[in-house]
Amino acid sequence: MAFNFKSDLILENERVQLRPLSATDHAFFLPFSLKEPALWTYSLTSAAGEEKLENYLQAALQLREEETGYPFLVYDKKNEKIAGSTRFYSINFHHKTLSIGYTWYGKEFQRTGLNRHCKLLLLTHAFEALEMERVEFRADAKNTRSITAMRAIGCTLEGTLRNNCTAETGRRDSVVLSIIKNEWPKLKKALVAKIH
């Protein structure tokens, strides 16, 4: 299935809604940016502080314009609050691959099960609607919390790319994890069981 980058894709279940990120979301994200700058400690692109937040949003929206990424705002339906952001990126239809990442949630939404709901929606769309063969995840090798969360949803740890990119804190090693299409039915069943 082709991906229409111009359309407003909304993914949701009873717990969470993922809707397209827009420039007007600056106001929603500003409290996180000013009060919880540590959310971007391990990020390639920080949104800590008003200027960095503006740059972060512009870069995310530019990916959608270039049709290589699709950023979402995460809305927690249970608590009726905006919780953070996530995205599809490095979308490659020829190879049928994409990555999921640039994910962050405010502190009050962490360890609440929200992330599993988001990943279920994103992975279901990637494998079942977009018919991808592989979904990749990357994380700073020091970000053990993120790596543990990805392993918990069934990602396979593939290895570490040493000194492969520049982050806010300097050069970093990136851990690469993935799920491939034939693994998804079993992993989906396990993920659904964990969130219900």
Protein backbone atom coordinates (compact mmCIF):
# COMPACT_ATOMS: atom_id res chain seq x y z
CA MET A 1 0.00 0.00 0.00
CA ALA A 2 1.26 3.48 -0.86
CA PHE A 3 1.56 6.00 1.93
CA ASN A 4 -0.21 9.31 1.38
CA PHE A 5 1.99 11.81 3.20
CA LYS A 6 -0.51 14.59 2.48
CA SER A 7 -3.36 12.85 4.29
CA ASP A 8 -3.92 13.17 8.03
CA LEU A 9 -3.34 9.68 9.37
CA ILE A 10 -4.87 9.04 12.78
CA LEU A 11 -4.10 5.83 14.67
CA GLU A 12 -6.03 5.14 17.86
CA ASN A 13 -7.42 2.62 20.29
CA GLU A 14 -9.22 2.93 23.61
CA ARG A 15 -6.11 4.31 25.37
CA VAL A 16 -4.22 6.52 22.95
CA GLN A 17 -4.59 8.59 19.81
CA LEU A 18 -1.71 9.31 17.45
CA ARG A 19 -2.48 12.25 15.20
CA PRO A 20 -0.24 14.11 12.75
CA LEU A 21 2.17 16.59 14.29
CA SER A 22 1.59 20.20 13.28
CA ALA A 23 3.42 23.50 13.76
CA THR A 24 0.69 24.62 16.18
CA ASP A 25 1.69 21.83 18.58
CA HIS A 26 4.50 24.09 19.79
CA ALA A 27 2.22 25.41 22.54
CA PHE A 28 1.35 21.88 23.73
CA PHE A 29 4.98 20.76 23.87
CA LEU A 30 6.42 23.92 25.42
CA PRO A 31 5.71 22.89 29.05
CA PHE A 32 7.64 19.62 28.49
CA SER A 33 10.42 21.51 26.75
CA LEU A 34 10.85 24.02 29.58
CA LYS A 35 10.13 21.85 32.63
CA GLU A 36 11.41 18.40 31.57
CA PRO A 37 14.56 18.98 29.48
CA ALA A 38 15.97 15.59 30.55
CA LEU A 39 13.44 13.91 28.23
CA TRP A 40 15.93 14.51 25.39
CA THR A 41 19.12 13.43 27.19
CA TYR A 42 19.70 10.59 24.72
CA SER A 43 18.08 12.15 21.65
CA LEU A 44 19.81 13.03 18.41
CA THR A 45 17.67 16.16 18.26
CA SER A 46 16.80 17.88 21.52
CA ALA A 47 13.61 19.86 22.05
CA ALA A 48 14.73 21.21 25.44
CA GLY A 49 14.13 24.97 25.49
CA GLU A 50 11.91 27.08 23.29
CA GLU A 51 14.36 27.60 20.43
CA LYS A 52 15.31 23.93 20.23
CA LEU A 53 11.64 22.97 20.36
CA GLU A 54 10.94 25.20 17.35
CA ASN A 55 13.84 23.61 15.44
CA TYR A 56 12.69 20.12 16.49
CA LEU A 57 9.17 20.70 15.15
CA GLN A 58 10.41 22.24 11.89
CA ALA A 59 12.77 19.31 11.28
CA ALA A 60 10.01 16.77 12.02
CA LEU A 61 7.56 18.48 9.68
CA GLN A 62 10.23 18.76 6.98
CA LEU A 63 10.53 14.96 6.93
CA ARG A 64 6.85 14.72 6.11
CA GLU A 65 7.29 17.27 3.31
CA GLU A 66 10.17 15.20 1.94
CA GLU A 67 8.04 12.03 2.29
CA THR A 68 10.63 10.17 4.34
CA GLY A 69 8.99 10.52 7.76
CA TYR A 70 5.65 10.97 9.47
CA PRO A 71 5.61 12.50 12.97
CA PHE A 72 2.76 12.11 15.43
CA LEU A 73 1.50 13.84 18.54
CA VAL A 74 0.60 11.33 21.28
CA TYR A 75 -2.66 11.99 23.12
CA ASP A 76 -3.43 9.95 26.25
CA LYS A 77 -7.19 9.35 26.04
CA LYS A 78 -7.36 7.86 29.53
CA ASN A 79 -5.97 11.01 31.18
CA GLU A 80 -7.17 13.40 28.46
CA LYS A 81 -3.71 14.94 28.10
CA ILE A 82 -1.06 15.35 25.44
CA ALA A 83 1.70 12.94 26.40
CA GLY A 84 4.49 13.37 23.85
CA SER A 85 5.51 12.47 20.32
CA THR A 86 6.71 9.59 18.12
CA ARG A 87 7.23 9.04 14.41
CA PHE A 88 7.84 6.82 11.44
CA TYR A 89 11.10 7.78 9.73
CA SER A 90 13.57 6.46 7.14
CA ILE A 91 10.54 5.18 5.21
CA ASN A 92 11.71 3.20 2.18
CA PHE A 93 9.01 1.63 0.03
CA HIS A 94 11.44 -0.01 -2.39
CA HIS A 95 12.99 -2.07 0.40
CA LYS A 96 9.75 -2.15 2.43
CA THR A 97 11.43 -0.87 5.58
CA LEU A 98 10.90 1.93 8.04
CA SER A 99 12.05 2.99 11.47
CA ILE A 100 10.04 3.96 14.53
CA GLY A 101 11.60 6.41 16.93
CA TYR A 102 12.11 9.96 18.13
CA THR A 103 9.73 8.82 20.84
CA TRP A 104 9.36 10.73 24.09
CA TYR A 105 6.69 11.00 26.76
CA GLY A 106 6.35 13.38 29.68
CA LYS A 107 7.39 11.88 33.01
CA GLU A 108 3.82 11.35 34.22
CA PHE A 109 3.12 9.13 31.19
CA GLN A 110 6.21 6.94 31.51
CA ARG A 111 5.78 3.40 32.87
CA THR A 112 2.00 3.64 32.52
CA GLY A 113 1.59 1.23 29.59
CA LEU A 114 1.06 4.09 27.15
CA ASN A 115 4.16 3.23 25.13
CA ARG A 116 2.96 -0.33 24.49
CA HIS A 117 -0.33 1.00 23.12
CA CYS A 118 1.55 3.38 20.83
CA LYS A 119 3.88 0.68 19.58
CA LEU A 120 0.96 -1.67 18.92
CA LEU A 121 -0.73 0.96 16.75
CA LEU A 122 2.48 1.89 14.89
CA LEU A 123 3.61 -1.68 14.27
CA THR A 124 0.16 -2.81 13.18
CA HIS A 125 0.01 0.01 10.64
CA ALA A 126 3.57 -0.63 9.44
CA PHE A 127 3.16 -4.36 8.88
CA GLU A 128 -0.53 -4.69 8.05
CA ALA A 129 -1.44 -1.46 6.24
CA LEU A 130 1.90 -0.43 4.73
CA GLU A 131 3.01 -4.07 4.26
CA MET A 132 6.55 -3.42 5.48
CA GLU A 133 9.00 -6.31 5.72
CA ARG A 134 11.14 -4.83 8.49
CA VAL A 135 10.74 -2.22 11.21
CA GLU A 136 13.88 -0.91 12.85
CA PHE A 137 14.51 0.85 16.14
CA ARG A 138 17.67 2.59 17.31
CA ALA A 139 18.73 3.94 20.68
CA ASP A 140 21.75 5.46 22.32
CA ALA A 141 23.70 2.55 23.80
CA LYS A 142 23.57 4.35 27.18
CA ASN A 143 19.77 4.55 27.10
CA THR A 144 19.11 1.27 28.90
CA ARG A 145 15.48 2.18 29.71
CA SER A 146 14.60 2.58 26.03
CA ILE A 147 16.46 -0.56 25.00
CA THR A 148 14.71 -2.56 27.73
CA ALA A 149 11.31 -1.25 26.56
CA MET A 150 12.03 -2.28 22.97
CA ARG A 151 13.17 -5.73 24.04
CA ALA A 152 9.96 -6.05 26.09
CA ILE A 153 7.77 -5.63 23.00
CA GLY A 154 9.70 -8.35 21.20
CA CYS A 155 12.41 -6.54 19.26
CA THR A 156 15.50 -8.53 18.34
CA LEU A 157 18.79 -6.94 19.35
CA GLU A 158 20.97 -6.89 16.25
CA GLY A 159 24.08 -5.14 17.51
CA THR A 160 25.77 -1.83 18.10
CA LEU A 161 26.88 0.71 15.54
CA ARG A 162 29.99 2.17 17.17
CA ASN A 163 30.52 5.93 17.14
CA ASN A 164 27.98 6.19 14.31
CA CYS A 165 26.38 9.59 14.82
CA THR A 166 26.49 12.90 16.62
CA ALA A 167 24.06 13.54 19.47
CA GLU A 168 23.52 16.49 21.80
CA THR A 169 26.18 15.09 24.13
CA GLY A 170 28.73 14.29 21.41
CA ARG A 171 29.45 11.11 19.46
CA ARG A 172 27.35 8.10 20.35
CA ASP A 173 27.11 4.36 19.85
CA SER A 174 23.68 3.27 18.58
CA VAL A 175 22.02 -0.02 19.46
CA VAL A 176 19.98 -1.45 16.57
CA LEU A 177 16.88 -3.58 17.14
CA SER A 178 14.24 -4.83 14.72
CA ILE A 179 11.09 -6.78 14.07
CA ILE A 180 10.53 -8.51 10.73
CA LYS A 181 7.24 -9.32 9.09
CA ASN A 182 7.08 -13.04 9.81
CA GLU A 183 7.68 -12.36 13.53
CA TRP A 184 4.87 -9.84 13.80
CA PRO A 185 1.78 -12.11 14.23
CA LYS A 186 3.25 -13.83 17.29
CA LEU A 187 4.63 -10.59 18.75
CA LYS A 188 1.33 -8.82 18.16
CA LYS A 189 -0.57 -11.49 20.08
CA ALA A 190 1.85 -11.18 23.01
CA LEU A 191 1.70 -7.37 22.96
CA VAL A 192 -2.10 -7.35 22.90
CA ALA A 193 -2.11 -9.74 25.86
CA LYS A 194 0.17 -7.41 27.83
CA ILE A 195 -2.02 -4.34 27.38
CA HIS A 196 -5.45 -5.95 27.98
